[in-house]
Amino acid sequence: MCTLLLFVKAAKVLALSTVMLPLAGCAVATGIIFAALIRGLAYAPDLEETLFNYTTLGFAFVESFAFLLFGIAAIIYIF
């Protein structure tokens, strides 16, 4: 029985590490989004408000994916 619990614990650790791996992608995507904002402002400073609105929308999509990953990790950890 004890070895079965160890296998379940090991499976949870592997599942959590697999779920947390795309968070690195979220961090990279956030950097790319804001780098594109800076580059866009360098080319067209008069479109600052429009570019910032698009940037915040893209950032919200990336962060919602990150929060979804945290929710999946919590479900894995609970069960």
N, C-alpha and C. Protein backbone atom coordinates (compact mmCIF):
# COMPACT_ATOMS: atom_id res chain seq x y z
N MET A 1 0.82 -1.20 0.00
CA MET A 1 0.00 0.00 0.00
C MET A 1 0.87 1.26 0.00
N CYS A 2 1.97 1.21 0.72
CA CYS A 2 2.85 2.37 0.82
C CYS A 2 3.49 2.70 -0.54
N THR A 3 3.86 1.66 -1.29
CA THR A 3 4.46 1.93 -2.60
C THR A 3 3.44 2.50 -3.57
N LEU A 4 2.18 2.11 -3.42
CA LEU A 4 1.14 2.66 -4.28
C LEU A 4 0.99 4.16 -4.03
N LEU A 5 1.04 4.57 -2.78
CA LEU A 5 0.95 6.00 -2.46
C LEU A 5 2.16 6.76 -2.99
N LEU A 6 3.31 6.13 -2.98
CA LEU A 6 4.50 6.79 -3.54
C LEU A 6 4.37 6.97 -5.06
N PHE A 7 3.78 5.98 -5.73
CA PHE A 7 3.58 6.12 -7.17
C PHE A 7 2.56 7.20 -7.50
N VAL A 8 1.53 7.31 -6.68
CA VAL A 8 0.54 8.36 -6.88
C VAL A 8 1.18 9.73 -6.66
N LYS A 9 1.99 9.85 -5.63
CA LYS A 9 2.68 11.11 -5.35
C LYS A 9 3.63 11.48 -6.50
N ALA A 10 4.35 10.48 -7.01
CA ALA A 10 5.26 10.73 -8.13
C ALA A 10 4.49 11.14 -9.38
N ALA A 11 3.34 10.52 -9.61
CA ALA A 11 2.52 10.89 -10.76
C ALA A 11 2.02 12.32 -10.63
N LYS A 12 1.65 12.73 -9.40
CA LYS A 12 1.20 14.10 -9.19
C LYS A 12 2.33 15.10 -9.45
N VAL A 13 3.52 14.77 -9.02
CA VAL A 13 4.66 15.66 -9.24
C VAL A 13 4.94 15.80 -10.74
N LEU A 14 4.89 14.71 -11.45
CA LEU A 14 5.11 14.78 -12.91
C LEU A 14 4.00 15.55 -13.60
N ALA A 15 2.77 15.36 -13.17
CA ALA A 15 1.66 16.08 -13.78
C ALA A 15 1.76 17.58 -13.49
N LEU A 16 2.11 17.92 -12.27
CA LEU A 16 2.25 19.35 -11.93
C LEU A 16 3.40 20.00 -12.70
N SER A 17 4.50 19.28 -12.87
CA SER A 17 5.61 19.86 -13.63
C SER A 17 5.23 20.02 -15.10
N THR A 18 4.43 19.11 -15.62
CA THR A 18 3.97 19.23 -17.00
C THR A 18 3.02 20.41 -17.16
N VAL A 19 2.19 20.65 -16.16
CA VAL A 19 1.26 21.77 -16.22
C VAL A 19 1.99 23.10 -16.08
N MET A 20 3.01 23.15 -15.24
CA MET A 20 3.71 24.40 -14.99
C MET A 20 4.69 24.78 -16.10
N LEU A 21 5.02 23.86 -16.97
CA LEU A 21 5.97 24.15 -18.05
C LEU A 21 5.48 25.25 -18.99
N PRO A 22 4.20 25.29 -19.38
CA PRO A 22 3.77 26.37 -20.27
C PRO A 22 3.79 27.76 -19.63
N LEU A 23 3.98 27.84 -18.31
CA LEU A 23 4.08 29.16 -17.69
C LEU A 23 5.31 29.91 -18.19
N ALA A 24 6.34 29.19 -18.53
CA ALA A 24 7.51 29.84 -19.14
C ALA A 24 7.13 30.47 -20.48
N GLY A 25 6.27 29.79 -21.20
CA GLY A 25 5.78 30.35 -22.46
C GLY A 25 4.95 31.60 -22.25
N CYS A 26 4.18 31.63 -21.16
CA CYS A 26 3.41 32.83 -20.83
C CYS A 26 4.33 34.00 -20.51
N ALA A 27 5.41 33.73 -19.80
CA ALA A 27 6.36 34.79 -19.48
C ALA A 27 7.04 35.32 -20.74
N VAL A 28 7.41 34.43 -21.63
CA VAL A 28 8.04 34.85 -22.89
C VAL A 28 7.04 35.64 -23.74
N ALA A 29 5.80 35.18 -23.78
CA ALA A 29 4.78 35.89 -24.56
C ALA A 29 4.53 37.29 -24.03
N THR A 30 4.54 37.44 -22.72
CA THR A 30 4.37 38.77 -22.12
C THR A 30 5.51 39.69 -22.53
N GLY A 31 6.72 39.18 -22.52
CA GLY A 31 7.86 39.98 -22.96
C GLY A 31 7.76 40.37 -24.42
N ILE A 32 7.33 39.44 -25.25
CA ILE A 32 7.19 39.74 -26.68
C ILE A 32 6.11 40.79 -26.93
N ILE A 33 5.01 40.67 -26.18
CA ILE A 33 3.91 41.63 -26.36
C ILE A 33 4.36 43.05 -26.02
N PHE A 34 5.04 43.20 -24.89
CA PHE A 34 5.45 44.55 -24.50
C PHE A 34 6.63 45.06 -25.33
N ALA A 35 7.46 44.17 -25.82
CA ALA A 35 8.52 44.59 -26.75
C ALA A 35 7.92 45.09 -28.05
N ALA A 36 6.85 44.44 -28.50
CA ALA A 36 6.17 44.90 -29.71
C ALA A 36 5.51 46.26 -29.47
N LEU A 37 5.03 46.49 -28.26
CA LEU A 37 4.45 47.81 -27.95
C LEU A 37 5.53 48.89 -28.05
N ILE A 38 6.69 48.64 -27.49
CA ILE A 38 7.77 49.63 -27.54
C ILE A 38 8.21 49.87 -28.98
N ARG A 39 8.32 48.80 -29.75
CA ARG A 39 8.71 48.97 -31.15
C ARG A 39 7.64 49.73 -31.93
N GLY A 40 6.38 49.40 -31.67
CA GLY A 40 5.29 50.10 -32.36
C GLY A 40 5.25 51.57 -32.00
N LEU A 41 5.52 51.89 -30.74
CA LEU A 41 5.55 53.29 -30.35
C LEU A 41 6.73 54.03 -30.96
N ALA A 42 7.81 53.32 -31.22
CA ALA A 42 8.95 53.96 -31.88
C ALA A 42 8.62 54.30 -33.33
N TYR A 43 7.82 53.46 -33.97
CA TYR A 43 7.46 53.72 -35.37
C TYR A 43 6.32 54.72 -35.50
N ALA A 44 5.34 54.64 -34.60
CA ALA A 44 4.17 55.50 -34.71
C ALA A 44 3.76 56.01 -33.33
N PRO A 45 4.42 57.03 -32.84
CA PRO A 45 4.09 57.52 -31.49
C PRO A 45 2.68 58.11 -31.38
N ASP A 46 2.10 58.51 -32.50
CA ASP A 46 0.76 59.09 -32.45
C ASP A 46 -0.33 58.04 -32.20
N LEU A 47 0.00 56.77 -32.35
CA LEU A 47 -0.98 55.70 -32.11
C LEU A 47 -0.81 55.06 -30.73
N GLU A 48 -0.32 55.84 -29.78
CA GLU A 48 0.00 55.28 -28.46
C GLU A 48 -1.21 54.65 -27.78
N GLU A 49 -2.34 55.33 -27.79
CA GLU A 49 -3.52 54.82 -27.10
C GLU A 49 -4.04 53.54 -27.75
N THR A 50 -4.08 53.49 -29.05
CA THR A 50 -4.56 52.31 -29.76
C THR A 50 -3.64 51.12 -29.54
N LEU A 51 -2.35 51.36 -29.66
CA LEU A 51 -1.39 50.28 -29.45
C LEU A 51 -1.43 49.76 -28.02
N PHE A 52 -1.59 50.67 -27.05
CA PHE A 52 -1.65 50.24 -25.66
C PHE A 52 -2.92 49.43 -25.40
N ASN A 53 -4.02 49.79 -26.03
CA ASN A 53 -5.26 49.00 -25.87
C ASN A 53 -5.08 47.60 -26.43
N TYR A 54 -4.47 47.47 -27.58
CA TYR A 54 -4.22 46.14 -28.14
C TYR A 54 -3.25 45.34 -27.28
N THR A 55 -2.27 46.03 -26.72
CA THR A 55 -1.30 45.36 -25.87
C THR A 55 -1.95 44.81 -24.61
N THR A 56 -2.80 45.62 -23.98
CA THR A 56 -3.46 45.13 -22.76
C THR A 56 -4.42 43.99 -23.07
N LEU A 57 -5.05 44.00 -24.23
CA LEU A 57 -5.92 42.90 -24.61
C LEU A 57 -5.11 41.61 -24.80
N GLY A 58 -3.98 41.70 -25.47
CA GLY A 58 -3.12 40.53 -25.64
C GLY A 58 -2.56 40.03 -24.33
N PHE A 59 -2.18 40.96 -23.44
CA PHE A 59 -1.68 40.58 -22.13
C PHE A 59 -2.77 39.88 -21.32
N ALA A 60 -4.00 40.35 -21.43
CA ALA A 60 -5.10 39.71 -20.70
C ALA A 60 -5.32 38.29 -21.19
N PHE A 61 -5.22 38.05 -22.49
CA PHE A 61 -5.37 36.69 -23.01
C PHE A 61 -4.27 35.77 -22.50
N VAL A 62 -3.05 36.26 -22.50
CA VAL A 62 -1.93 35.44 -22.02
C VAL A 62 -2.08 35.14 -20.53
N GLU A 63 -2.45 36.13 -19.75
CA GLU A 63 -2.59 35.92 -18.31
C GLU A 63 -3.79 35.03 -17.98
N SER A 64 -4.85 35.10 -18.77
CA SER A 64 -5.98 34.20 -18.51
C SER A 64 -5.56 32.75 -18.75
N PHE A 65 -4.70 32.52 -19.73
CA PHE A 65 -4.18 31.17 -19.94
C PHE A 65 -3.32 30.73 -18.76
N ALA A 66 -2.53 31.65 -18.22
CA ALA A 66 -1.70 31.33 -17.06
C ALA A 66 -2.56 31.00 -15.85
N PHE A 67 -3.62 31.77 -15.62
CA PHE A 67 -4.51 31.48 -14.49
C PHE A 67 -5.23 30.15 -14.69
N LEU A 68 -5.56 29.83 -15.92
CA LEU A 68 -6.18 28.52 -16.21
C LEU A 68 -5.21 27.40 -15.86
N LEU A 69 -3.94 27.59 -16.14
CA LEU A 69 -2.94 26.59 -15.77
C LEU A 69 -2.85 26.41 -14.26
N PHE A 70 -2.94 27.52 -13.52
CA PHE A 70 -2.92 27.40 -12.06
C PHE A 70 -4.15 26.65 -11.56
N GLY A 71 -5.29 26.86 -12.19
CA GLY A 71 -6.50 26.13 -11.81
C GLY A 71 -6.36 24.64 -12.06
N ILE A 72 -5.78 24.28 -13.19
CA ILE A 72 -5.56 22.87 -13.50
C ILE A 72 -4.58 22.25 -12.52
N ALA A 73 -3.55 23.01 -12.16
CA ALA A 73 -2.59 22.51 -11.17
C ALA A 73 -3.25 22.28 -9.82
N ALA A 74 -4.15 23.16 -9.43
CA ALA A 74 -4.84 23.00 -8.16
C ALA A 74 -5.74 21.76 -8.18
N ILE A 75 -6.41 21.54 -9.31
CA ILE A 75 -7.25 20.34 -9.42
C ILE A 75 -6.41 19.07 -9.33
N ILE A 76 -5.26 19.08 -9.99
CA ILE A 76 -4.38 17.90 -9.92
C ILE A 76 -3.90 17.68 -8.50
N TYR A 77 -3.55 18.75 -7.81
CA TYR A 77 -3.01 18.61 -6.45
C TYR A 77 -4.07 18.14 -5.47
N ILE A 78 -5.32 18.59 -5.67
CA ILE A 78 -6.38 18.19 -4.75
C ILE A 78 -6.72 16.71 -4.90
N PHE A 79 -6.81 16.24 -6.13
CA PHE A 79 -7.18 14.85 -6.35
C PHE A 79 -5.94 14.05 -6.48
